[in-house]
């Protein structure tokens, strides 16, 4: 299980610190070592981190595409939550996506975070 790997908590902490590139690197390492369906969850989270990186670099189109792809993966029935509140993540990602699609500033929306489920 990926949740038991210490790198997973490291990646979550990096993500929640808005260290998008570093979070991507650690999640990607785990993703390469993981099989479906957990792999799908990791890929969705990875895509959110990369979308945030695109926003930092001014690439709104890239962010829009990746936010949409991430939502498609994370909302797919049977996608494991990996001990995270993926509904909460999807809500903030959806808000950012809607802002981008309506030509508004996505920074006016909540920054995506990974909340651990108790």
N, C-alpha and C. Protein backbone atom coordinates (compact mmCIF):
# COMPACT_ATOMS: atom_id res chain seq x y z
N UNK A 1 0.84 -1.19 0.00
CA UNK A 1 0.00 0.00 0.00
C UNK A 1 0.88 1.25 0.00
N UNK A 2 0.56 2.12 -0.88
CA UNK A 2 1.35 3.34 -1.05
C UNK A 2 1.28 4.23 0.20
N UNK A 3 0.16 4.19 0.93
CA UNK A 3 0.01 5.07 2.10
C UNK A 3 1.04 4.77 3.18
N UNK A 4 1.53 3.53 3.24
CA UNK A 4 2.51 3.15 4.25
C UNK A 4 3.94 3.52 3.89
N UNK A 5 4.16 3.97 2.67
CA UNK A 5 5.49 4.35 2.22
C UNK A 5 5.82 5.75 2.76
N UNK A 6 6.94 5.93 3.43
CA UNK A 6 7.28 7.27 3.97
C UNK A 6 7.37 8.35 2.90
N UNK A 7 7.65 7.95 1.67
CA UNK A 7 7.69 8.94 0.58
C UNK A 7 6.32 9.53 0.32
N UNK A 8 5.26 8.75 0.59
CA UNK A 8 3.91 9.24 0.36
C UNK A 8 3.64 10.44 1.27
N UNK A 9 3.95 10.32 2.55
CA UNK A 9 3.74 11.45 3.47
C UNK A 9 4.62 12.62 3.09
N UNK A 10 5.83 12.34 2.64
CA UNK A 10 6.72 13.41 2.18
C UNK A 10 6.08 14.15 1.00
N UNK A 11 5.53 13.40 0.05
CA UNK A 11 4.90 14.01 -1.12
C UNK A 11 3.68 14.84 -0.72
N UNK A 12 2.88 14.32 0.21
CA UNK A 12 1.71 15.07 0.69
C UNK A 12 2.16 16.37 1.34
N UNK A 13 3.19 16.31 2.17
CA UNK A 13 3.70 17.51 2.84
C UNK A 13 4.21 18.53 1.82
N UNK A 14 4.93 18.07 0.81
CA UNK A 14 5.42 18.97 -0.23
C UNK A 14 4.26 19.61 -0.99
N UNK A 15 3.26 18.81 -1.33
CA UNK A 15 2.07 19.29 -2.04
C UNK A 15 1.41 20.39 -1.21
N UNK A 16 1.21 20.11 0.08
CA UNK A 16 0.52 21.06 0.95
C UNK A 16 1.34 22.30 1.26
N UNK A 17 2.63 22.26 0.98
CA UNK A 17 3.50 23.43 1.13
C UNK A 17 3.65 24.18 -0.20
N UNK A 18 2.86 23.78 -1.18
CA UNK A 18 2.90 24.38 -2.52
C UNK A 18 4.27 24.23 -3.18
N UNK A 19 4.95 23.16 -2.83
CA UNK A 19 6.22 22.81 -3.48
C UNK A 19 5.87 21.86 -4.63
N UNK A 20 5.24 22.41 -5.65
CA UNK A 20 4.61 21.60 -6.70
C UNK A 20 5.60 20.72 -7.45
N UNK A 21 6.74 21.25 -7.80
CA UNK A 21 7.69 20.47 -8.57
C UNK A 21 8.24 19.31 -7.74
N UNK A 22 8.62 19.60 -6.51
CA UNK A 22 9.16 18.55 -5.63
C UNK A 22 8.09 17.51 -5.32
N UNK A 23 6.86 17.95 -5.08
CA UNK A 23 5.77 17.00 -4.81
C UNK A 23 5.57 16.10 -6.03
N UNK A 24 5.59 16.70 -7.21
CA UNK A 24 5.45 15.93 -8.44
C UNK A 24 6.51 14.85 -8.52
N UNK A 25 7.74 15.21 -8.23
CA UNK A 25 8.84 14.24 -8.34
C UNK A 25 8.62 13.03 -7.42
N UNK A 26 8.24 13.28 -6.19
CA UNK A 26 8.05 12.18 -5.24
C UNK A 26 6.82 11.35 -5.62
N UNK A 27 5.72 12.03 -5.95
CA UNK A 27 4.53 11.28 -6.37
C UNK A 27 4.81 10.46 -7.63
N UNK A 28 5.58 11.02 -8.55
CA UNK A 28 5.89 10.29 -9.78
C UNK A 28 6.71 9.04 -9.50
N UNK A 29 7.65 9.15 -8.59
CA UNK A 29 8.45 7.99 -8.20
C UNK A 29 7.55 6.87 -7.67
N UNK A 30 6.61 7.24 -6.81
CA UNK A 30 5.66 6.26 -6.27
C UNK A 30 4.76 5.72 -7.38
N UNK A 31 4.34 6.59 -8.27
CA UNK A 31 3.45 6.21 -9.37
C UNK A 31 4.09 5.12 -10.23
N UNK A 32 5.39 5.27 -10.51
CA UNK A 32 6.09 4.27 -11.32
C UNK A 32 6.13 2.90 -10.65
N UNK A 33 6.05 2.87 -9.33
CA UNK A 33 6.16 1.62 -8.58
C UNK A 33 4.81 1.03 -8.18
N UNK A 34 3.73 1.68 -8.57
CA UNK A 34 2.39 1.31 -8.10
C UNK A 34 1.54 0.81 -9.25
N UNK A 35 0.66 -0.14 -8.94
CA UNK A 35 -0.27 -0.68 -9.94
C UNK A 35 -1.65 -0.04 -9.75
N UNK A 36 -2.49 -0.18 -10.76
CA UNK A 36 -3.87 0.27 -10.65
C UNK A 36 -4.59 -0.55 -9.59
N UNK A 37 -5.58 0.00 -8.93
CA UNK A 37 -6.17 1.32 -9.14
C UNK A 37 -5.48 2.45 -8.38
N UNK A 38 -4.58 2.14 -7.43
CA UNK A 38 -3.88 3.19 -6.69
C UNK A 38 -3.08 4.09 -7.62
N UNK A 39 -2.57 3.52 -8.68
CA UNK A 39 -1.78 4.27 -9.66
C UNK A 39 -2.61 5.41 -10.26
N UNK A 40 -3.88 5.16 -10.49
CA UNK A 40 -4.78 6.17 -11.06
C UNK A 40 -4.92 7.35 -10.08
N UNK A 41 -5.04 7.05 -8.79
CA UNK A 41 -5.15 8.11 -7.79
C UNK A 41 -3.89 8.97 -7.79
N UNK A 42 -2.73 8.31 -7.79
CA UNK A 42 -1.46 9.04 -7.80
C UNK A 42 -1.34 9.91 -9.04
N UNK A 43 -1.77 9.39 -10.17
CA UNK A 43 -1.67 10.16 -11.41
C UNK A 43 -2.54 11.41 -11.34
N UNK A 44 -3.74 11.27 -10.79
CA UNK A 44 -4.61 12.44 -10.65
C UNK A 44 -3.99 13.51 -9.76
N UNK A 45 -3.41 13.08 -8.65
CA UNK A 45 -2.76 14.03 -7.74
C UNK A 45 -1.55 14.67 -8.43
N UNK A 46 -0.79 13.86 -9.14
CA UNK A 46 0.36 14.37 -9.92
C UNK A 46 -0.09 15.46 -10.90
N UNK A 47 -1.20 15.21 -11.56
CA UNK A 47 -1.69 16.16 -12.55
C UNK A 47 -2.09 17.48 -11.90
N UNK A 48 -2.62 17.42 -10.69
CA UNK A 48 -2.96 18.65 -9.97
C UNK A 48 -1.68 19.44 -9.68
N UNK A 49 -0.65 18.75 -9.20
CA UNK A 49 0.62 19.42 -8.90
C UNK A 49 1.21 20.07 -10.16
N UNK A 50 1.17 19.37 -11.27
CA UNK A 50 1.72 19.92 -12.51
C UNK A 50 0.85 21.08 -13.01
N UNK A 51 -0.46 20.98 -12.84
CA UNK A 51 -1.34 22.10 -13.22
C UNK A 51 -0.98 23.34 -12.41
N UNK A 52 -0.72 23.16 -11.12
CA UNK A 52 -0.33 24.28 -10.28
C UNK A 52 1.01 24.86 -10.75
N UNK A 53 1.91 24.00 -11.14
CA UNK A 53 3.20 24.45 -11.68
C UNK A 53 2.98 25.26 -12.96
N UNK A 54 2.09 24.79 -13.82
CA UNK A 54 1.76 25.54 -15.04
C UNK A 54 1.23 26.93 -14.70
N UNK A 55 0.35 26.99 -13.69
CA UNK A 55 -0.19 28.30 -13.29
C UNK A 55 0.93 29.23 -12.82
N UNK A 56 1.85 28.71 -12.03
CA UNK A 56 2.97 29.53 -11.56
C UNK A 56 3.78 30.08 -12.73
N UNK A 57 3.84 29.33 -13.79
CA UNK A 57 4.64 29.72 -14.96
C UNK A 57 3.82 30.46 -16.01
N UNK A 58 2.55 30.74 -15.71
CA UNK A 58 1.71 31.50 -16.61
C UNK A 58 1.07 30.71 -17.74
N UNK A 59 1.13 29.40 -17.67
CA UNK A 59 0.55 28.55 -18.71
C UNK A 59 -0.87 28.14 -18.32
N UNK A 60 -1.81 29.04 -18.54
CA UNK A 60 -3.21 28.79 -18.15
C UNK A 60 -3.83 27.64 -18.95
N UNK A 61 -3.48 27.54 -20.21
CA UNK A 61 -4.03 26.45 -21.05
C UNK A 61 -3.58 25.09 -20.52
N UNK A 62 -2.29 24.95 -20.23
CA UNK A 62 -1.79 23.69 -19.69
C UNK A 62 -2.43 23.35 -18.36
N UNK A 63 -2.62 24.35 -17.51
CA UNK A 63 -3.27 24.14 -16.22
C UNK A 63 -4.71 23.68 -16.41
N UNK A 64 -5.41 24.31 -17.33
CA UNK A 64 -6.81 23.95 -17.59
C UNK A 64 -6.92 22.49 -18.03
N UNK A 65 -6.08 22.09 -18.95
CA UNK A 65 -6.11 20.71 -19.46
C UNK A 65 -5.81 19.72 -18.33
N UNK A 66 -4.77 19.98 -17.56
CA UNK A 66 -4.39 19.04 -16.50
C UNK A 66 -5.39 19.00 -15.35
N UNK A 67 -5.97 20.14 -14.99
CA UNK A 67 -7.01 20.12 -13.96
C UNK A 67 -8.18 19.25 -14.42
N UNK A 68 -8.56 19.38 -15.69
CA UNK A 68 -9.67 18.58 -16.22
C UNK A 68 -9.34 17.10 -16.23
N UNK A 69 -8.13 16.75 -16.65
CA UNK A 69 -7.73 15.34 -16.67
C UNK A 69 -7.65 14.77 -15.26
N UNK A 70 -7.14 15.57 -14.32
CA UNK A 70 -7.05 15.12 -12.92
C UNK A 70 -8.44 14.83 -12.36
N UNK A 71 -9.38 15.73 -12.61
CA UNK A 71 -10.74 15.50 -12.11
C UNK A 71 -11.34 14.23 -12.70
N UNK A 72 -11.10 13.99 -13.98
CA UNK A 72 -11.61 12.78 -14.62
C UNK A 72 -11.08 11.52 -13.95
N UNK A 73 -9.83 11.52 -13.59
CA UNK A 73 -9.23 10.35 -12.93
C UNK A 73 -9.71 10.22 -11.49
N UNK A 74 -9.67 11.32 -10.75
CA UNK A 74 -9.97 11.27 -9.32
C UNK A 74 -11.45 11.00 -9.04
N UNK A 75 -12.32 11.39 -9.97
CA UNK A 75 -13.76 11.18 -9.76
C UNK A 75 -14.25 9.86 -10.34
N UNK A 76 -13.37 9.15 -11.02
CA UNK A 76 -13.78 7.88 -11.63
C UNK A 76 -14.19 6.89 -10.53
N UNK A 77 -15.34 6.24 -10.69
CA UNK A 77 -15.77 5.27 -9.68
C UNK A 77 -14.70 4.19 -9.44
N UNK A 78 -14.48 3.87 -8.19
CA UNK A 78 -13.51 2.85 -7.84
C UNK A 78 -12.10 3.37 -7.63
N UNK A 79 -11.91 4.69 -7.76
CA UNK A 79 -10.59 5.27 -7.53
C UNK A 79 -10.34 5.31 -6.02
N UNK A 80 -9.29 4.64 -5.54
CA UNK A 80 -9.02 4.61 -4.10
C UNK A 80 -8.61 5.99 -3.59
N UNK A 81 -9.01 6.29 -2.35
CA UNK A 81 -8.71 7.62 -1.81
C UNK A 81 -7.32 7.73 -1.19
N UNK A 82 -6.62 6.61 -1.02
CA UNK A 82 -5.27 6.59 -0.45
C UNK A 82 -5.21 7.25 0.93
N UNK A 83 -6.33 7.23 1.64
CA UNK A 83 -6.38 7.85 2.96
C UNK A 83 -6.52 9.36 2.92
N UNK A 84 -6.86 9.89 1.74
CA UNK A 84 -6.99 11.34 1.55
C UNK A 84 -8.44 11.70 1.24
N UNK A 85 -8.80 12.93 1.54
CA UNK A 85 -10.14 13.43 1.23
C UNK A 85 -10.13 13.91 -0.23
N UNK A 86 -10.33 12.98 -1.14
CA UNK A 86 -10.27 13.33 -2.56
C UNK A 86 -11.45 14.20 -2.98
N UNK A 87 -12.58 14.09 -2.29
CA UNK A 87 -13.71 14.96 -2.61
C UNK A 87 -13.35 16.42 -2.36
N UNK A 88 -12.67 16.67 -1.25
CA UNK A 88 -12.22 18.03 -0.92
C UNK A 88 -11.24 18.53 -1.98
N UNK A 89 -10.30 17.68 -2.37
CA UNK A 89 -9.34 18.05 -3.41
C UNK A 89 -10.06 18.37 -4.71
N UNK A 90 -10.99 17.50 -5.09
CA UNK A 90 -11.71 17.71 -6.35
C UNK A 90 -12.54 18.99 -6.33
N UNK A 91 -13.04 19.36 -5.16
CA UNK A 91 -13.81 20.59 -5.07
C UNK A 91 -12.94 21.81 -5.37
N UNK A 92 -11.75 21.86 -4.77
CA UNK A 92 -10.87 23.01 -5.03
C UNK A 92 -10.34 23.00 -6.46
N UNK A 93 -10.04 21.81 -6.99
CA UNK A 93 -9.57 21.71 -8.38
C UNK A 93 -10.68 22.14 -9.33
N UNK A 94 -11.91 21.71 -9.05
CA UNK A 94 -13.05 22.11 -9.88
C UNK A 94 -13.26 23.62 -9.86
N UNK A 95 -13.10 24.23 -8.69
CA UNK A 95 -13.23 25.69 -8.58
C UNK A 95 -12.18 26.39 -9.44
N UNK A 96 -10.95 25.91 -9.36
CA UNK A 96 -9.86 26.52 -10.15
C UNK A 96 -10.12 26.33 -11.65
N UNK A 97 -10.59 25.15 -12.01
CA UNK A 97 -10.88 24.88 -13.42
C UNK A 97 -11.97 25.82 -13.93
N UNK A 98 -13.03 26.00 -13.15
CA UNK A 98 -14.11 26.90 -13.57
C UNK A 98 -13.59 28.34 -13.71
N UNK A 99 -12.73 28.77 -12.80
CA UNK A 99 -12.14 30.11 -12.91
C UNK A 99 -11.36 30.25 -14.21
N UNK A 100 -10.54 29.27 -14.50
CA UNK A 100 -9.75 29.31 -15.73
C UNK A 100 -10.64 29.32 -16.96
N UNK A 101 -11.68 28.49 -16.95
CA UNK A 101 -12.57 28.39 -18.12
C UNK A 101 -13.38 29.67 -18.34
N UNK A 102 -13.60 30.43 -17.26
CA UNK A 102 -14.38 31.66 -17.39
C UNK A 102 -13.48 32.91 -17.40
N UNK A 103 -12.17 32.67 -17.67
CA UNK A 103 -11.20 33.76 -17.79
C UNK A 103 -11.05 34.58 -16.50
N UNK A 104 -11.31 33.95 -15.35
CA UNK A 104 -11.11 34.62 -14.07
C UNK A 104 -9.77 34.18 -13.48
N UNK A 105 -9.37 34.85 -12.42
CA UNK A 105 -8.10 34.54 -11.77
C UNK A 105 -8.26 33.33 -10.86
N UNK A 106 -7.58 32.22 -11.17
CA UNK A 106 -7.70 31.02 -10.34
C UNK A 106 -7.13 31.22 -8.94
N UNK A 107 -6.30 32.25 -8.75
CA UNK A 107 -5.74 32.50 -7.43
C UNK A 107 -6.80 33.04 -6.47
N UNK A 108 -7.97 33.40 -7.01
CA UNK A 108 -9.07 33.82 -6.14
C UNK A 108 -9.78 32.61 -5.52
N UNK A 109 -9.41 31.43 -5.97
CA UNK A 109 -9.99 30.18 -5.47
C UNK A 109 -9.05 29.53 -4.45
N UNK A 110 -9.57 28.60 -3.71
CA UNK A 110 -8.77 27.87 -2.73
C UNK A 110 -7.67 27.09 -3.42
N UNK A 111 -6.47 27.15 -2.86
CA UNK A 111 -5.35 26.38 -3.38
C UNK A 111 -5.59 24.92 -3.02
N UNK A 112 -5.40 23.98 -3.96
CA UNK A 112 -5.60 22.57 -3.64
C UNK A 112 -4.68 22.09 -2.52
N UNK A 113 -5.27 21.34 -1.59
CA UNK A 113 -4.50 20.71 -0.52
C UNK A 113 -4.97 19.27 -0.37
N UNK A 114 -4.11 18.48 0.22
CA UNK A 114 -4.42 17.07 0.47
C UNK A 114 -4.69 16.89 1.95
N UNK A 115 -5.97 16.67 2.29
CA UNK A 115 -6.33 16.44 3.69
C UNK A 115 -6.37 14.95 3.95
N UNK A 116 -5.73 14.55 5.04
CA UNK A 116 -5.72 13.14 5.44
C UNK A 116 -7.04 12.84 6.12
N UNK A 117 -7.63 11.70 5.77
CA UNK A 117 -8.89 11.26 6.37
C UNK A 117 -8.57 10.50 7.64
N UNK A 118 -9.27 10.82 8.71
CA UNK A 118 -9.04 10.12 9.98
C UNK A 118 -9.61 8.72 9.97
